[in-house]
Protein backbone atom coordinates (compact mmCIF):
# COMPACT_ATOMS: atom_id res chain seq x y z
CA MET A 1 0.00 0.00 0.00
CA THR A 2 1.26 3.48 -0.85
CA GLY A 3 0.14 6.90 0.20
CA THR A 4 1.16 10.32 1.41
CA ILE A 5 1.84 10.91 5.08
CA GLU A 6 -0.09 13.74 6.72
CA GLU A 7 1.80 16.92 7.56
CA PRO A 8 2.47 17.16 11.32
CA ALA A 9 0.15 20.17 11.68
CA THR A 10 -2.83 18.24 10.29
CA ARG A 11 -2.02 14.65 11.11
CA LEU A 12 -4.55 12.32 12.64
CA ALA A 13 -4.54 11.31 16.29
CA ASP A 14 -1.41 9.46 17.37
CA VAL A 15 -1.31 5.69 17.00
CA PRO A 16 -0.07 4.22 20.31
CA MET A 17 2.35 1.32 20.48
CA ALA A 18 -0.03 -0.66 22.67
CA ARG A 19 -3.20 -0.15 24.67
CA PRO A 20 -4.79 -2.51 27.22
CA TRP A 21 -8.30 -3.65 26.40
CA PHE A 22 -10.22 -2.74 29.55
CA GLY A 23 -13.95 -2.25 30.00
CA PRO A 24 -16.46 -1.72 32.79
CA GLU A 25 -16.11 -5.35 33.90
CA GLU A 26 -12.47 -4.79 34.90
CA VAL A 27 -13.39 -1.60 36.76
CA GLN A 28 -16.12 -3.40 38.69
CA ALA A 29 -13.87 -6.37 39.48
CA VAL A 30 -11.17 -4.16 40.99
CA SER A 31 -13.76 -2.07 42.86
CA ASP A 32 -15.20 -5.21 44.41
CA VAL A 33 -11.76 -6.22 45.69
CA VAL A 34 -11.14 -2.78 47.18
CA ALA A 35 -14.55 -2.86 48.85
CA SER A 36 -13.82 -6.30 50.33
CA GLY A 37 -10.88 -4.98 52.33
CA TRP A 38 -8.62 -7.88 51.25
CA VAL A 39 -6.36 -6.47 48.56
CA SER A 40 -3.18 -8.58 48.90
CA GLN A 41 -2.79 -12.19 47.75
CA GLY A 42 -6.04 -13.95 48.48
CA ALA A 43 -9.13 -15.55 46.96
CA ARG A 44 -8.93 -13.68 43.65
CA VAL A 45 -5.33 -14.86 43.13
CA VAL A 46 -6.44 -18.46 43.68
CA GLU A 47 -9.25 -17.98 41.16
CA PHE A 48 -6.95 -16.34 38.62
CA GLU A 49 -4.50 -19.23 38.89
CA ALA A 50 -7.32 -21.65 38.10
CA GLU A 51 -8.42 -19.54 35.11
CA ILE A 52 -4.91 -19.47 33.61
CA ALA A 53 -4.34 -23.18 34.24
CA ALA A 54 -7.56 -23.93 32.36
CA ALA A 55 -6.76 -21.46 29.56
CA VAL A 56 -3.39 -23.05 28.76
CA ASP A 57 -4.38 -26.61 29.77
CA ALA A 58 -1.77 -26.78 32.53
CA ARG A 59 -2.08 -28.86 35.69
CA HIS A 60 -0.93 -26.06 37.99
CA ALA A 61 -0.46 -22.28 37.89
CA VAL A 62 1.29 -20.08 40.44
CA ALA A 63 0.79 -16.30 40.37
CA VAL A 64 3.69 -13.95 41.13
CA SER A 65 4.45 -10.23 41.02
CA ASN A 66 5.86 -10.20 37.46
CA CYS A 67 7.51 -12.43 34.89
CA THR A 68 11.03 -11.51 36.02
CA THR A 69 10.33 -12.80 39.52
CA ALA A 70 8.80 -15.89 37.94
CA LEU A 71 12.00 -16.56 36.02
CA HIS A 72 14.06 -15.83 39.13
CA LEU A 73 12.13 -18.54 40.95
CA GLY A 74 12.86 -20.82 38.01
CA MET A 75 16.58 -20.37 38.65
CA VAL A 76 16.06 -21.11 42.35
CA VAL A 77 14.00 -24.30 41.94
CA ALA A 78 16.47 -25.55 39.31
CA SER A 79 19.17 -25.24 42.02
CA LEU A 80 21.35 -23.08 39.78
CA GLY A 81 24.25 -21.15 41.26
CA VAL A 82 27.87 -20.09 41.00
CA GLY A 83 29.78 -22.10 38.41
CA ASP A 84 26.67 -23.15 36.49
CA GLU A 85 25.95 -22.04 32.93
CA VAL A 86 22.54 -21.38 31.41
CA ILE A 87 22.12 -21.16 27.65
CA VAL A 88 19.84 -18.26 26.70
CA PRO A 89 19.20 -16.21 23.56
CA SER A 90 20.93 -12.85 23.53
CA LEU A 91 17.97 -11.65 21.45
CA SER A 92 15.58 -11.10 24.33
CA PHE A 93 14.63 -8.49 26.88
CA VAL A 94 17.51 -8.30 29.36
CA ALA A 95 15.42 -9.87 32.15
CA SER A 96 16.01 -13.28 30.55
CA ALA A 97 19.76 -12.98 31.15
CA ASN A 98 19.50 -10.92 34.34
CA VAL A 99 17.74 -13.65 36.32
CA ILE A 100 20.58 -16.06 35.58
CA ARG A 101 22.95 -13.68 37.33
CA TYR A 102 20.58 -13.23 40.26
CA VAL A 103 21.57 -16.72 41.47
CA GLY A 104 25.25 -16.35 40.57
CA ALA A 105 25.11 -18.48 37.42
CA THR A 106 26.53 -17.44 34.04
CA PRO A 107 24.50 -16.72 30.91
CA VAL A 108 25.82 -18.29 27.71
CA PHE A 109 24.35 -16.55 24.69
CA ALA A 110 23.11 -18.52 21.68
CA ASP A 111 22.07 -17.31 18.25
CA VAL A 112 18.54 -17.53 16.86
CA SER A 113 16.70 -18.72 13.79
CA PRO A 114 16.37 -16.09 11.03
CA LEU A 115 12.76 -17.26 10.53
CA THR A 116 11.38 -17.38 14.09
CA HIS A 117 14.02 -15.38 16.03
CA ASN A 118 14.07 -18.16 18.63
CA ILE A 119 17.03 -20.28 19.70
CA THR A 120 17.44 -23.50 17.77
CA PRO A 121 18.61 -26.98 18.79
CA GLU A 122 21.74 -26.40 16.69
CA SER A 123 22.65 -23.17 18.51
CA VAL A 124 22.01 -24.79 21.88
CA LEU A 125 24.11 -27.84 21.04
CA ALA A 126 27.03 -25.62 20.00
CA ALA A 127 26.88 -23.76 23.32
CA ILE A 128 26.85 -26.77 25.68
CA THR A 129 29.90 -27.14 27.95
CA PRO A 130 30.60 -29.35 30.98
CA ARG A 131 29.17 -26.53 33.15
CA THR A 132 25.85 -26.25 31.31
CA ARG A 133 22.96 -26.99 33.64
CA ALA A 134 19.94 -25.46 31.93
CA VAL A 135 18.51 -23.90 28.78
CA MET A 136 16.13 -20.96 28.81
CA VAL A 137 14.01 -20.83 25.68
CA VAL A 138 12.22 -17.57 24.91
CA HIS A 139 9.04 -17.65 22.83
CA GLN A 140 10.03 -14.39 21.21
CA CYS A 141 7.21 -11.85 21.01
CA GLY A 142 4.72 -14.71 21.09
CA VAL A 143 6.25 -16.81 18.29
CA PRO A 144 6.51 -20.35 19.69
CA ALA A 145 9.91 -22.02 19.79
CA ASP A 146 10.52 -25.57 18.55
CA LEU A 147 9.81 -27.16 21.93
CA GLY A 148 9.83 -30.79 20.88
CA THR A 149 13.39 -30.86 19.59
CA LEU A 150 14.62 -28.60 22.40
CA ARG A 151 13.07 -30.87 25.03
CA ALA A 152 14.62 -33.93 23.42
CA LEU A 153 18.03 -32.26 23.35
CA CYS A 154 17.78 -31.20 27.00
CA ASP A 155 16.68 -34.68 28.05
CA GLU A 156 19.62 -36.20 26.18
CA HIS A 157 22.11 -33.94 27.97
CA GLY A 158 20.43 -33.91 31.37
CA LEU A 159 19.56 -30.21 31.25
CA GLU A 160 16.64 -28.27 32.71
CA LEU A 161 14.45 -26.53 30.14
CA LEU A 162 12.89 -23.30 31.38
CA GLU A 163 10.40 -21.44 29.18
CA ASP A 164 10.35 -17.65 29.13
CA ALA A 165 6.80 -17.38 27.81
CA ALA A 166 6.42 -13.74 28.83
CA CYS A 167 4.78 -12.84 25.53
CA ALA A 168 3.23 -16.19 24.61
CA ILE A 169 -0.14 -16.50 26.37
CA GLY A 170 -2.47 -18.00 23.74
CA SER A 171 0.29 -19.09 21.36
CA THR A 172 0.41 -22.76 20.41
CA TYR A 173 2.91 -25.52 19.65
CA LEU A 174 1.58 -28.47 17.63
CA GLY A 175 -1.93 -27.37 18.50
CA ARG A 176 -1.27 -27.24 22.25
CA PRO A 177 -1.13 -23.97 24.22
CA ILE A 178 2.27 -22.74 25.30
CA GLY A 179 2.45 -23.50 29.03
CA SER A 180 0.81 -26.90 28.79
CA ASP A 181 2.95 -30.02 29.22
CA SER A 182 5.71 -27.81 30.69
CA ARG A 183 7.79 -28.31 33.80
CA PHE A 184 8.27 -24.56 34.03
CA ALA A 185 6.80 -21.77 31.86
CA ALA A 186 6.65 -18.11 32.94
CA PHE A 187 4.13 -15.57 31.60
CA SER A 188 3.89 -11.78 31.86
CA PHE A 189 0.82 -9.57 32.22
CA HIS A 190 2.63 -6.26 31.64
CA PRO A 191 0.60 -3.51 29.85
CA ARG A 192 2.20 -4.34 26.48
CA LYS A 193 1.22 -8.00 26.70
CA VAL A 194 -1.99 -9.62 25.45
CA LEU A 195 -3.57 -10.22 28.86
CA VAL A 196 -2.93 -7.27 31.17
CA THR A 197 -2.98 -6.88 34.96
CA GLY A 198 -0.65 -3.83 35.12
CA GLU A 199 2.22 -5.87 36.49
CA GLY A 200 2.03 -9.54 37.31
CA GLY A 201 3.25 -12.93 36.18
CA MET A 202 2.30 -16.59 36.25
CA ILE A 203 4.20 -19.89 36.30
CA THR A 204 2.59 -23.01 34.87
CA THR A 205 3.89 -26.48 35.60
CA ASP A 206 2.78 -30.10 35.36
CA ASP A 207 4.63 -30.93 38.62
CA ALA A 208 2.44 -30.72 41.75
CA GLU A 209 5.37 -30.76 44.17
CA LEU A 210 7.13 -28.00 42.25
CA ALA A 211 3.94 -25.91 42.18
CA ALA A 212 3.59 -26.22 45.95
CA ARG A 213 7.18 -25.12 46.51
CA LEU A 214 6.82 -22.18 44.14
CA GLY A 215 3.68 -21.14 46.00
CA ARG A 216 5.64 -21.08 49.25
CA LEU A 217 8.75 -19.38 47.86
CA ARG A 218 6.78 -16.43 46.52
CA GLN A 219 5.60 -15.66 50.08
CA HIS A 220 8.80 -15.87 52.14
CA ALA A 221 8.65 -19.70 52.06
CA MET A 222 5.92 -19.65 54.72
CA SER A 223 4.46 -23.03 55.55
CA VAL A 224 0.95 -21.56 55.32
CA SER A 225 -0.08 -18.47 53.36
CA SER A 226 -1.41 -15.36 55.08
CA PHE A 227 -4.78 -15.90 53.38
CA ASP A 228 -5.08 -19.53 54.53
CA ARG A 229 -3.93 -18.61 58.02
CA ASP A 230 -6.53 -15.85 58.26
CA ARG A 231 -9.42 -18.12 57.29
CA ALA A 232 -8.30 -21.15 59.31
CA GLY A 233 -10.64 -20.35 62.22
CA GLU A 234 -7.95 -21.27 64.74
CA VAL A 235 -4.53 -20.13 65.86
CA VAL A 236 -1.95 -21.07 63.24
CA VAL A 237 1.76 -20.39 63.73
CA GLU A 238 3.59 -20.53 60.43
CA GLN A 239 7.14 -21.74 59.84
CA TYR A 240 9.65 -20.46 57.30
CA LEU A 241 10.93 -23.53 55.54
CA GLU A 242 13.77 -22.05 53.45
CA THR A 243 14.98 -18.70 52.20
CA GLY A 244 11.98 -17.22 50.40
CA PHE A 245 10.95 -14.07 48.56
CA ASN A 246 8.21 -11.47 48.51
CA PHE A 247 6.97 -12.14 44.97
CA ARG A 248 3.22 -12.09 45.59
CA MET A 249 0.49 -10.91 43.24
CA THR A 250 -2.31 -8.77 44.67
CA ASP A 251 -6.00 -9.58 44.52
CA MET A 252 -6.54 -6.29 42.64
CA GLN A 253 -4.26 -7.48 39.84
CA ALA A 254 -5.82 -10.92 39.87
CA ALA A 255 -9.33 -9.44 39.61
CA LEU A 256 -8.25 -7.71 36.39
CA GLY A 257 -6.72 -10.93 35.15
CA ILE A 258 -9.81 -13.03 35.76
CA VAL A 259 -11.93 -10.76 33.57
CA GLN A 260 -9.21 -10.56 30.92
CA CYS A 261 -8.67 -14.31 30.90
CA ARG A 262 -12.34 -14.99 30.22
CA ARG A 263 -12.07 -13.21 26.89
CA LEU A 264 -8.59 -14.42 26.01
CA ALA A 265 -9.85 -16.38 23.00
CA GLU A 266 -11.46 -13.22 21.61
CA MET A 267 -8.26 -11.28 22.22
CA ILE A 268 -6.15 -13.83 20.34
CA ALA A 269 -8.59 -13.95 17.43
CA THR A 270 -8.56 -10.15 17.20
CA ARG A 271 -4.78 -9.93 17.27
CA ARG A 272 -4.42 -12.65 14.66
CA ARG A 273 -6.83 -10.76 12.41
CA LEU A 274 -4.75 -7.61 12.90
CA GLY A 275 -1.57 -9.55 12.24
CA GLN A 276 -2.90 -11.00 9.00
CA ARG A 277 -4.08 -7.58 7.86
CA TYR A 278 -0.65 -6.11 8.59
CA ARG A 279 0.89 -8.86 6.48
CA ALA A 280 -1.46 -7.94 3.64
CA VAL A 281 -0.85 -4.18 3.68
CA LEU A 282 2.92 -4.57 4.11
CA GLY A 283 3.26 -7.50 1.72
CA ASP A 284 4.23 -5.36 -1.27
CA VAL A 285 7.04 -3.49 0.51
CA PRO A 286 10.17 -4.85 -1.20
CA GLY A 287 12.64 -6.82 0.88
CA LEU A 288 10.69 -6.55 4.12
CA GLU A 289 10.88 -9.67 6.31
CA ILE A 290 7.69 -10.25 8.32
CA VAL A 291 7.75 -12.67 11.23
CA GLY A 292 4.68 -14.89 11.60
CA ASP A 293 3.65 -18.48 12.28
CA PRO A 294 6.25 -21.26 12.16
CA ASP A 295 5.27 -24.56 10.56
CA TYR A 296 4.71 -26.18 13.95
CA GLY A 297 2.60 -23.57 15.73
CA GLN A 298 0.76 -20.27 15.88
CA THR A 299 1.77 -16.91 17.33
CA ASN A 300 -0.63 -14.78 19.34
CA TYR A 301 0.74 -11.64 17.63
CA GLN A 302 1.61 -10.14 21.00
CA SER A 303 3.92 -8.03 18.87
CA PHE A 304 4.09 -7.48 15.16
CA TRP A 305 7.55 -6.90 13.87
CA VAL A 306 9.48 -6.68 10.65
CA VAL A 307 13.14 -6.75 9.65
CA LEU A 308 14.41 -4.21 7.13
CA PRO A 309 16.43 -5.42 4.15
CA ASP A 310 20.20 -4.98 4.28
CA ASP A 311 20.06 -2.43 1.47
CA ALA A 312 17.11 -0.45 2.85
CA ALA A 313 16.88 3.15 1.63
CA VAL A 314 16.69 4.36 5.24
CA SER A 315 18.13 3.19 8.52
CA ARG A 316 15.98 1.62 11.19
CA ASP A 317 16.25 4.72 13.39
CA GLU A 318 15.35 7.04 10.50
CA LEU A 319 12.30 4.91 9.79
CA LEU A 320 11.26 5.16 13.44
CA ARG A 321 11.65 8.94 13.21
CA ARG A 322 9.44 9.08 10.13
CA LEU A 323 6.81 6.91 11.80
CA LEU A 324 6.79 9.19 14.83
CA GLU A 325 6.53 12.23 12.52
CA ALA A 326 3.38 10.59 11.13
CA GLY A 327 1.99 10.09 14.63
CA VAL A 328 2.87 6.38 14.82
CA HIS A 329 4.55 5.17 17.99
CA ALA A 330 6.76 2.24 16.96
CA ARG A 331 9.85 0.84 18.67
CA HIS A 332 13.17 -0.67 17.78
CA GLY A 333 13.13 -4.43 17.79
CA VAL A 334 14.21 -6.76 20.57
CA THR A 335 17.64 -5.88 21.94
CA ALA A 336 20.75 -8.02 21.81
CA SER A 337 21.74 -8.47 25.45
CA HIS A 338 25.37 -9.25 24.62
CA LEU A 339 25.73 -5.75 23.14
CA GLU A 340 24.48 -4.04 26.29
CA PRO A 341 27.04 -2.63 28.79
CA ALA A 342 25.66 -4.87 31.55
CA PHE A 343 26.86 -7.97 29.67
CA ALA A 344 30.06 -6.67 28.11
CA ASP A 345 32.07 -9.14 30.20
CA VAL A 346 30.19 -12.21 28.95
CA ARG A 347 32.04 -14.20 26.32
CA HIS A 348 29.95 -15.43 23.42
CA PRO A 349 30.29 -17.04 20.00
CA PRO A 350 29.50 -15.05 16.83
CA LEU A 351 25.81 -14.10 16.85
CA PRO A 352 25.21 -12.80 13.32
CA VAL A 353 21.44 -13.34 13.15
CA THR A 354 20.92 -11.79 16.57
CA GLU A 355 22.94 -8.71 15.67
CA ARG A 356 21.20 -8.24 12.32
CA VAL A 357 17.73 -8.57 13.84
CA ALA A 358 18.58 -6.23 16.71
CA ARG A 359 19.95 -3.67 14.27
CA GLN A 360 17.27 -3.81 11.59
CA SER A 361 13.99 -4.80 13.21
CA VAL A 362 11.00 -2.62 14.07
CA LEU A 363 8.12 -3.40 16.43
CA LEU A 364 4.89 -1.94 15.05
CA PRO A 365 1.80 -0.82 16.96
CA ILE A 366 -0.76 -3.53 17.60
CA TYR A 367 -3.65 -3.45 20.05
CA HIS A 368 -7.11 -4.94 20.22
CA GLU A 369 -9.07 -1.86 19.15
CA MET A 370 -6.65 -0.77 16.42
CA PRO A 371 -8.53 0.63 13.40
CA ASP A 372 -7.66 -0.34 9.84
CA SER A 373 -6.77 3.31 9.15
CA ALA A 374 -3.92 3.12 11.66
CA GLN A 375 -2.41 0.09 9.92
CA ASP A 376 -2.81 1.84 6.58
CA ARG A 377 -0.88 4.81 7.93
CA VAL A 378 1.95 2.54 9.05
CA ALA A 379 2.05 0.88 5.63
CA ALA A 380 2.15 4.25 3.87
CA VAL A 381 5.23 5.31 5.87
CA PHE A 382 7.00 2.06 5.03
CA ALA A 383 6.16 2.24 1.34
CA GLU A 384 7.37 5.83 1.11
CA ALA A 385 10.51 5.44 3.21
CA LEU A 386 11.76 2.22 1.66
CA SER A 387 11.20 3.56 -1.84
CA GLY A 388 13.66 6.34 -1.04
CA ARG A 389 10.95 9.03 -1.16
CA HIS A 390 10.06 11.51 1.55
CA HIS A 391 7.18 13.93 1.73
């Protein structure tokens, strides 16, 4: 699609990068919690855990304060520490690598597939050393990773497989939801995600004993939760069974999540429609790489992103400037952690795909109530910029 971008003085209303889909039901749900007087972790958190477990067909779900704390707990329950190595994609939000350092372990960066932008069995195999204890796979921006082959590889080498599914609620692998059949998968409910609670995270697992331990660890490793103690009807003196954390979710967040979860299927269908329309309106832009469904699964289109051709008429940052000039709030693509100052001391093999994607990718606006006209405006900027023209 081609077109002329509006002059700044007359341009249409700005197109936001993301916008939560809230309605009166969410407002009422939070109000009810406030009116109840119990606003910390309580009955609504228990209900939200059940809703998520059902939505992703998992045996157990454990709510926490955010996805980073979820992943931190993953490091703890995997007994990772000083001297251990964890293979992780550099192409990910820095939290994926940060949590490895929280327990004293060392991140080992692996390259990603040029098609899915997820780590591959080949890149993992090349990174394994005698110190490797675990692999963290990231379902990048909702695009599912090749779990079957990664699980087989980890089983063969005796490694833990931890899933950073921050963006992947509603995505599928071989027809099954991400988070089902998993020992450990961590989700995020940040405002830019599909299902939003403000902050908040969830761990799904098929291991009942692990779920029980995670439930304790998030609340200082107390032998009985504050909520259960309060409703016991008798004096209960809790014990602290190990070193724990304050990683609880509040009932206010959970109340939002319950309402959101009940229309998750509608959210995914809407985002997939938006994703397919983006693919249609951007399909004629020469050289543009558009990330979508792999052969083995479906993305939830938590994000929609493209990679500019090597010979693009404009740089990625110039394109972002032109989008902003047109009232479109886009972002650079996922960062390469190994290029950030925080990880300058981490040795790594060549990561050519990671560096190209980090340098040339753009995350485009996508949200549930996005009008077609907003996507058309995005497409017009791309068509004009990559043709070498400028208004």
